[in-house]
Protein backbone atom coordinates (compact mmCIF):
# COMPACT_ATOMS: atom_id res chain seq x y z
CA MET A 1 -155.87 -114.63 -45.30
CA THR A 2 -152.48 -115.93 -44.23
CA ALA A 3 -150.12 -114.23 -41.83
CA HIS A 4 -147.61 -113.69 -44.64
CA SER A 5 -150.12 -111.80 -46.83
CA THR A 6 -151.25 -109.72 -43.85
CA THR A 7 -147.65 -108.73 -43.12
CA ALA A 8 -147.06 -107.88 -46.80
CA GLN A 9 -150.12 -105.60 -46.91
CA SER A 10 -149.03 -103.91 -43.70
CA ASN A 11 -145.55 -103.28 -45.13
CA ALA A 12 -147.10 -101.93 -48.35
CA ARG A 13 -149.26 -99.47 -46.39
CA GLU A 14 -146.25 -98.29 -44.41
CA THR A 15 -144.35 -97.79 -47.66
CA VAL A 16 -147.27 -95.81 -49.09
CA ASN A 17 -147.28 -93.55 -46.03
CA GLU A 18 -143.56 -92.92 -46.43
CA TYR A 19 -143.90 -92.41 -50.18
CA LEU A 20 -146.75 -89.88 -49.96
CA ALA A 21 -144.95 -88.01 -47.17
CA LYS A 22 -141.86 -87.65 -49.38
CA PHE A 23 -143.26 -87.20 -52.91
CA GLY A 24 -146.88 -86.19 -52.34
CA PRO A 25 -149.37 -86.85 -55.18
CA ILE A 26 -146.61 -87.61 -57.72
CA LEU A 27 -146.97 -91.30 -58.51
CA SER A 28 -144.29 -93.24 -60.36
CA THR A 29 -142.69 -96.64 -59.83
CA SER A 30 -139.27 -95.13 -60.58
CA LEU A 31 -139.49 -93.00 -57.43
CA ILE A 32 -140.02 -95.99 -55.12
CA ALA A 33 -136.34 -96.87 -55.57
CA GLU A 34 -135.46 -93.85 -53.42
CA ILE A 35 -137.31 -95.40 -50.48
CA GLN A 36 -135.63 -98.21 -48.57
CA ALA A 37 -138.37 -100.80 -49.00
CA PRO A 38 -136.91 -104.17 -50.06
CA GLY A 39 -139.35 -106.90 -51.04
CA ILE A 40 -142.23 -104.48 -51.64
CA CYS A 41 -144.34 -104.80 -54.79
CA ARG A 42 -144.10 -101.45 -56.55
CA ARG A 43 -147.35 -101.93 -58.41
CA GLU A 44 -149.21 -102.63 -55.17
CA VAL A 45 -147.75 -99.48 -53.60
CA MET A 46 -148.88 -97.39 -56.57
CA ASP A 47 -152.39 -98.86 -56.47
CA ILE A 48 -152.83 -98.08 -52.77
CA ALA A 49 -151.36 -94.59 -53.21
CA TRP A 50 -153.72 -93.87 -56.10
CA GLN A 51 -156.77 -94.93 -54.11
CA ARG A 52 -155.76 -92.60 -51.29
CA VAL A 53 -155.11 -89.65 -53.58
CA VAL A 54 -158.25 -90.00 -55.70
CA SER A 55 -160.47 -90.52 -52.64
CA GLN A 56 -159.34 -87.16 -51.25
CA ALA A 57 -160.11 -85.25 -54.46
CA ARG A 58 -163.29 -83.16 -54.47
CA ALA A 59 -165.89 -83.87 -57.12
CA ASN A 60 -166.62 -81.13 -59.68
CA SER A 61 -163.54 -79.20 -58.56
CA PHE A 62 -161.28 -77.19 -60.80
CA LYS A 63 -158.36 -79.56 -60.17
CA PHE A 64 -157.50 -82.42 -62.50
CA ALA A 65 -155.45 -85.62 -62.69
CA VAL A 66 -152.49 -85.81 -65.09
CA PHE A 67 -151.69 -89.20 -66.66
CA MET A 68 -148.28 -89.16 -68.32
CA LEU A 69 -147.02 -91.72 -70.84
CA GLY A 70 -143.47 -92.12 -72.10
CA ALA A 71 -141.82 -95.17 -73.67
CA ALA A 72 -138.40 -96.68 -72.97
CA GLY A 73 -135.61 -94.12 -73.28
CA CYS A 74 -137.95 -91.10 -73.14
CA PRO A 75 -137.22 -88.43 -70.51
CA ASN A 76 -140.56 -88.81 -68.72
CA ARG A 77 -138.78 -89.28 -65.37
CA TYR A 78 -137.24 -85.80 -65.73
CA ALA A 79 -140.71 -84.29 -65.93
CA LEU A 80 -141.51 -85.53 -62.42
CA PHE A 81 -138.52 -84.02 -60.64
CA ASN A 82 -139.15 -80.76 -58.77
CA LEU A 83 -142.58 -80.08 -60.22
CA PRO A 84 -143.50 -76.38 -59.99
CA LYS A 85 -146.04 -75.31 -57.39
CA SER A 86 -148.10 -73.66 -60.11
CA LEU A 87 -148.88 -77.14 -61.44
CA LEU A 88 -149.37 -78.87 -58.09
CA THR A 89 -151.96 -76.27 -57.11
CA LYS A 90 -154.05 -77.17 -60.16
CA ALA A 91 -153.47 -80.94 -60.36
CA PHE A 92 -154.48 -83.22 -57.51
CA CYS A 93 -152.28 -86.01 -58.93
CA VAL A 94 -149.53 -86.52 -61.53
CA TYR A 95 -149.35 -90.22 -62.39
CA ASP A 96 -146.70 -91.82 -64.65
CA VAL A 97 -148.66 -94.69 -66.21
CA SER A 98 -146.05 -95.63 -68.82
CA ASP A 99 -145.74 -99.21 -67.54
CA LEU A 100 -149.48 -99.85 -67.29
CA SER A 101 -151.70 -101.58 -69.84
CA LEU A 102 -154.34 -99.84 -71.91
CA ILE A 103 -157.15 -101.43 -69.89
CA ARG A 104 -155.64 -100.33 -66.59
CA VAL A 105 -155.08 -96.71 -67.70
CA ASN A 106 -158.58 -96.53 -69.14
CA ASP A 107 -159.99 -97.84 -65.84
CA LEU A 108 -158.15 -95.05 -63.97
CA ILE A 109 -159.63 -92.41 -66.29
CA GLU A 110 -163.12 -93.92 -66.08
CA ASP A 111 -162.82 -93.99 -62.29
CA CYS A 112 -162.09 -90.25 -62.30
CA HIS A 113 -165.02 -89.54 -64.60
CA ARG A 114 -167.38 -91.49 -62.35
CA ARG A 115 -166.20 -89.29 -59.49
CA ASN A 116 -166.77 -86.14 -61.63
CA LEU A 117 -163.03 -85.45 -61.78
CA ARG A 118 -161.24 -83.97 -64.76
CA THR A 119 -158.36 -85.81 -66.49
CA ILE A 120 -155.47 -84.86 -68.79
CA ALA A 121 -153.33 -87.29 -70.78
CA ILE A 122 -149.78 -86.20 -71.70
CA TYR A 123 -147.64 -88.19 -74.15
CA ILE A 124 -143.87 -87.57 -74.28
CA ASN A 125 -142.58 -88.26 -77.77
CA GLN A 126 -138.93 -88.57 -78.84
CA PRO A 127 -137.19 -89.82 -82.00
CA LEU A 128 -136.77 -93.58 -81.87
CA GLU A 129 -133.00 -93.54 -82.39
CA THR A 130 -132.51 -90.98 -79.61
CA SER A 131 -134.63 -93.08 -77.26
CA ALA A 132 -132.71 -96.20 -78.29
CA ARG A 133 -129.37 -94.57 -77.48
CA ILE A 134 -130.59 -93.53 -74.03
CA PHE A 135 -132.13 -96.95 -73.42
CA ILE A 136 -128.87 -98.71 -74.34
CA ASN A 137 -126.81 -96.43 -72.09
CA GLU A 138 -129.19 -96.85 -69.14
CA SER A 139 -129.17 -100.64 -69.56
CA ALA A 140 -125.37 -100.69 -69.64
CA LEU A 141 -125.14 -98.58 -66.47
CA ALA A 142 -127.57 -100.95 -64.75
CA GLY A 143 -125.55 -103.99 -65.81
CA LEU A 144 -128.33 -105.28 -68.09
CA ILE A 145 -128.31 -106.46 -71.69
CA PRO A 146 -130.49 -104.07 -73.76
CA SER A 147 -133.30 -105.86 -75.54
CA ALA A 148 -134.53 -104.74 -78.95
CA SER A 149 -137.89 -106.46 -78.47
CA GLU A 150 -138.45 -104.83 -75.06
CA PHE A 151 -137.65 -101.42 -76.53
CA ALA A 152 -139.92 -101.93 -79.56
CA ILE A 153 -142.87 -103.27 -77.55
CA SER A 154 -142.59 -100.39 -75.07
CA HIS A 155 -142.84 -97.76 -77.82
CA PHE A 156 -145.59 -99.61 -79.68
CA ASN A 157 -147.76 -100.11 -76.59
CA THR A 158 -147.25 -96.64 -75.13
CA TYR A 159 -148.05 -94.78 -78.33
CA ASN A 160 -151.10 -96.87 -79.20
CA THR A 161 -152.36 -96.62 -75.62
CA PHE A 162 -152.31 -92.83 -75.91
CA VAL A 163 -153.97 -92.86 -79.34
CA THR A 164 -156.72 -95.19 -78.14
CA LEU A 165 -157.40 -93.10 -75.04
CA VAL A 166 -157.66 -89.91 -77.10
CA ALA A 167 -160.03 -91.57 -79.58
CA ARG A 168 -162.21 -92.95 -76.78
CA HIS A 169 -162.51 -89.85 -74.59
CA LYS A 170 -161.98 -86.91 -76.96
CA LYS A 171 -165.69 -86.04 -77.03
CA LYS A 172 -165.75 -85.54 -73.25
CA LEU A 173 -164.62 -81.95 -73.53
CA THR A 174 -165.29 -81.10 -69.90
CA ARG A 175 -163.73 -84.27 -68.51
CA PHE A 176 -160.80 -85.16 -70.80
CA ALA A 177 -158.05 -83.34 -72.71
CA SER A 178 -154.69 -84.36 -74.14
CA SER A 179 -151.37 -82.91 -75.28
CA VAL A 180 -148.01 -84.07 -76.63
CA ILE A 181 -144.48 -83.06 -75.61
CA ALA A 182 -142.14 -83.65 -78.56
CA VAL A 183 -138.50 -83.78 -77.44
CA TYR A 184 -135.95 -83.22 -80.19
CA ASP A 185 -132.20 -82.55 -80.10
CA ASN A 186 -132.29 -78.83 -79.37
CA THR A 187 -136.02 -78.03 -79.21
CA ILE A 188 -138.95 -79.26 -77.13
CA HIS A 189 -142.34 -78.60 -78.69
CA CYS A 190 -145.70 -78.56 -76.93
CA LEU A 191 -148.33 -79.75 -79.39
CA LYS A 192 -152.00 -79.11 -78.69
CA ASP A 193 -153.70 -79.37 -82.09
CA LEU A 194 -152.79 -82.97 -82.84
CA ARG A 195 -154.41 -85.83 -84.67
CA PRO A 196 -152.47 -88.96 -83.75
CA LYS A 197 -153.00 -92.04 -85.89
CA LYS A 198 -152.89 -95.65 -84.88
CA ASN A 199 -149.91 -97.82 -85.82
CA GLN A 200 -147.80 -94.77 -86.64
CA VAL A 201 -145.17 -96.32 -84.36
CA THR A 202 -144.71 -99.96 -85.35
CA VAL A 203 -142.70 -102.75 -83.75
CA ASN A 204 -140.59 -103.19 -86.89
CA ALA A 205 -139.71 -99.49 -87.06
CA ALA A 206 -138.74 -99.42 -83.38
CA GLU A 207 -136.61 -102.56 -83.70
CA ALA A 208 -134.87 -101.16 -86.79
CA ALA A 209 -134.09 -97.91 -84.95
CA PHE A 210 -132.71 -99.87 -82.00
CA LEU A 211 -130.48 -102.05 -84.20
CA ASN A 212 -129.17 -99.05 -86.15
CA THR A 213 -128.31 -97.27 -82.91
CA TRP A 214 -126.72 -100.41 -81.48
CA ASN A 215 -124.52 -100.89 -84.56
CA ARG A 216 -123.39 -97.27 -84.43
CA SER A 217 -122.61 -97.57 -80.73
CA GLN A 218 -120.46 -100.63 -81.43
CA ALA A 219 -118.65 -98.65 -84.12
CA ARG A 220 -118.22 -95.79 -81.60
CA ALA A 221 -120.30 -93.44 -83.73
CA ASN A 222 -122.71 -91.73 -81.38
CA GLY A 223 -124.46 -89.61 -83.98
CA ALA A 224 -125.24 -85.94 -83.58
CA ASP A 225 -123.75 -83.90 -80.79
CA GLN A 226 -126.20 -83.39 -77.94
CA SER A 227 -124.16 -80.76 -76.10
CA GLN A 228 -126.16 -77.78 -77.42
CA PRO A 229 -128.73 -76.43 -74.94
CA SER A 230 -132.37 -76.97 -75.82
CA THR A 231 -135.30 -74.56 -75.70
CA VAL A 232 -139.06 -74.93 -75.28
CA ARG A 233 -141.50 -73.91 -77.99
CA PRO A 234 -143.65 -71.87 -77.68
CA THR A 235 -141.52 -69.55 -75.60
CA LYS A 236 -144.42 -67.80 -73.83
CA VAL A 237 -146.03 -69.46 -70.84
CA PRO A 238 -149.74 -70.20 -71.40
CA THR A 239 -151.72 -68.14 -68.92
CA LYS A 240 -155.33 -69.14 -69.62
CA THR A 241 -156.53 -72.27 -67.84
CA LYS A 242 -160.30 -71.77 -67.80
CA THR A 243 -161.08 -74.69 -70.11
CA LEU A 244 -159.64 -78.17 -69.71
CA ARG A 245 -157.95 -77.90 -73.09
CA GLN A 246 -156.15 -74.75 -71.96
CA ALA A 247 -155.20 -76.53 -68.74
CA ALA A 248 -153.71 -79.38 -70.80
CA THR A 249 -151.60 -76.90 -72.77
CA PHE A 250 -150.49 -75.24 -69.54
CA THR A 251 -149.59 -78.61 -67.97
CA ALA A 252 -147.67 -79.78 -71.03
CA TYR A 253 -145.68 -76.55 -71.10
CA LEU A 254 -144.66 -76.82 -67.43
CA LEU A 255 -143.65 -80.46 -67.83
CA ALA A 256 -141.70 -79.62 -71.00
CA ARG A 257 -139.89 -76.81 -69.22
CA ASN A 258 -139.05 -79.21 -66.40
CA VAL A 259 -137.65 -81.74 -68.88
CA ASN A 260 -135.69 -78.99 -70.61
CA ALA A 261 -134.09 -77.81 -67.35
CA HIS A 262 -132.92 -81.29 -66.40
CA LEU A 263 -131.63 -82.09 -69.91
CA ASN A 264 -129.61 -78.87 -70.01
CA ALA A 265 -128.23 -79.56 -66.54
CA ALA A 266 -127.17 -83.04 -67.68
CA ARG A 267 -125.46 -81.55 -70.75
CA GLN A 268 -123.59 -79.02 -68.61
CA ARG A 269 -122.34 -81.79 -66.32
CA LYS A 270 -121.19 -83.76 -69.34
CA ASP A 271 -119.36 -80.75 -70.79
CA ALA A 272 -117.72 -80.07 -67.43
CA ARG A 273 -116.39 -83.62 -67.35
CA GLU A 274 -115.08 -83.49 -70.91
CA LYS A 275 -113.56 -79.97 -70.98
CA PRO A 276 -110.64 -80.58 -68.57
CA GLU A 277 -109.49 -83.52 -70.70
CA SER A 278 -109.84 -81.70 -74.02
CA SER A 279 -108.31 -78.41 -72.85
CA ARG A 280 -105.30 -80.05 -71.25
CA PRO A 281 -102.20 -79.67 -73.50
CA ALA A 282 -100.79 -82.86 -74.90
CA PRO A 283 -97.51 -83.87 -73.19
CA GLN A 284 -94.36 -83.84 -75.30
CA THR A 285 -92.94 -87.27 -76.01
CA GLN A 286 -89.28 -87.41 -74.96
CA PRO A 287 -86.99 -90.42 -74.60
CA LEU A 288 -86.94 -91.62 -71.02
CA VAL A 289 -83.65 -92.23 -69.23
CA GLN A 290 -83.52 -95.96 -68.63
CA ASN A 291 -81.82 -97.64 -65.71
CA PRO A 292 -80.15 -100.91 -66.77
CA GLY A 293 -81.45 -102.51 -63.59
CA GLU A 294 -85.13 -101.72 -64.39
CA PRO A 295 -87.43 -102.83 -67.17
CA PRO A 296 -87.94 -100.39 -70.04
CA ALA A 297 -91.00 -98.15 -69.96
CA GLN A 298 -93.97 -99.41 -71.96
CA SER A 299 -94.64 -96.82 -74.63
CA LEU A 300 -96.12 -96.91 -78.10
CA ALA A 301 -93.41 -94.48 -79.29
CA HIS A 302 -90.21 -96.45 -78.68
CA ALA A 303 -87.46 -94.26 -77.27
CA PRO A 304 -83.91 -94.80 -78.57
CA VAL A 305 -81.55 -96.64 -76.21
CA TYR A 306 -77.92 -95.56 -75.90
CA GLY A 307 -75.25 -97.68 -74.26
CA SER A 308 -72.91 -100.63 -74.71
CA SER A 309 -73.91 -103.85 -76.40
CA ASP A 310 -74.27 -105.58 -73.00
CA VAL A 311 -76.67 -102.88 -71.74
CA ILE A 312 -78.71 -102.99 -74.93
CA ALA A 313 -78.90 -106.78 -74.75
CA THR A 314 -80.00 -106.60 -71.11
CA LEU A 315 -82.71 -104.02 -71.83
CA SER A 316 -84.00 -105.62 -75.00
CA GLY A 317 -84.03 -109.06 -73.40
CA TRP A 318 -86.16 -108.09 -70.39
CA HIS A 319 -88.97 -110.58 -69.62
CA GLU A 320 -88.15 -112.93 -72.48
CA LYS A 321 -88.81 -110.38 -75.22
CA THR A 322 -85.94 -111.50 -77.45
CA ALA A 323 -83.82 -114.55 -78.03
CA VAL A 324 -80.97 -113.02 -76.02
CA GLY A 325 -83.28 -112.50 -73.09
CA GLN A 326 -84.66 -116.02 -73.30
CA ASP A 327 -81.17 -117.54 -73.28
CA ALA A 328 -80.16 -115.42 -70.32
CA LEU A 329 -83.31 -116.40 -68.45
CA LEU A 330 -82.79 -120.10 -69.10
CA GLU A 331 -79.17 -119.86 -68.05
CA SER A 332 -80.11 -118.16 -64.77
CA GLU A 333 -82.85 -120.64 -63.95
CA ARG A 334 -80.91 -123.85 -64.79
CA PRO A 335 -80.06 -125.77 -61.53
CA LEU A 336 -76.47 -126.09 -60.31
CA ARG A 337 -74.60 -129.38 -60.80
CA VAL A 338 -71.63 -130.65 -58.81
CA VAL A 339 -68.94 -131.93 -61.21
CA VAL A 340 -65.63 -133.62 -60.20
CA GLN A 341 -63.07 -133.23 -62.96
CA GLU A 342 -59.31 -133.20 -63.56
CA LYS A 343 -57.53 -129.93 -63.26
CA LYS A 344 -56.45 -128.47 -66.56
CA THR A 345 -53.17 -127.17 -65.08
CA HIS A 346 -52.14 -130.25 -63.09
CA GLU A 347 -52.49 -133.76 -64.30
CA HIS A 348 -53.83 -136.45 -61.98
CA GLU A 349 -55.30 -133.83 -59.66
CA MET A 350 -59.04 -133.58 -59.23
CA GLU A 351 -61.22 -130.57 -58.43
CA THR A 352 -64.88 -129.95 -57.68
CA VAL A 353 -66.73 -127.32 -59.77
CA PHE A 354 -70.35 -126.15 -60.01
CA GLU A 355 -71.98 -125.97 -63.45
CA ARG A 356 -75.44 -125.14 -64.73
């Protein structure tokens, strides 16, 4: 082992210590950005943090691990902010595995089952065009070019990873349960009785949704208004958590309520930014008093100019805008010449004059 690799592992462990001290058992690569750790491999930090968290979990305990999946543009990051204590007391880890492969996520679940630990898989679903709009906006804010193929592959892989995991582990009633959070414009549904099918989200459908959203964004048509506050369905908080299936419903509801709170807060901030501009009365357009010694004001509504023909010619000819102004500019910039000529009033007498 080289000295460089030893130093890298030491830095990764220090980053893991800082990460767990700040965020606890909430694992997500998006949260590492809040820690000043340049040159650290995020995936390596997550792997070390997971090993520490899962090694501290007690076998056959009532607690469970939550594996959350959400594709590009989905609000899965909102679900991780300020998680309620009622969830953290029941879950020993909440892991955002959206960027992991199917094999890797399945290995994490199998590792928990070998340790006699319970697992819950949560999939955050959102209409493709809504996700595409958010993905395009986030890419623009980050200074990146949004990729249709990246968006489509993310949705295809994430959905089929969830479907495959449910099909593989659904018979392990005491060790595995699943739920879906469906995020729509003004309603967030928590679905428990679901039968997801493979290939329901295809690459072609995701690419088509991305291109349609991109074309509308170029035409400045942003679609439906998202300013209305959203609500969570069902409205009542699930109280029973004896079985793992009930615990999955309870977990999905708390995560959905967390997403709903952050989405509504974002909408309120957007409305607060837009209201002062929209409520401000439009200024009355009046002709501005022009000073002949200053250039005219640039306005789409041209104000009438009153004055003599010399003043009008001076104002209209400012900065070479007309033929009169161009002639005046050329005349002023032509160099002086010294000319010796005969006086017009006295013959045989010479005089020196300056001409342009």
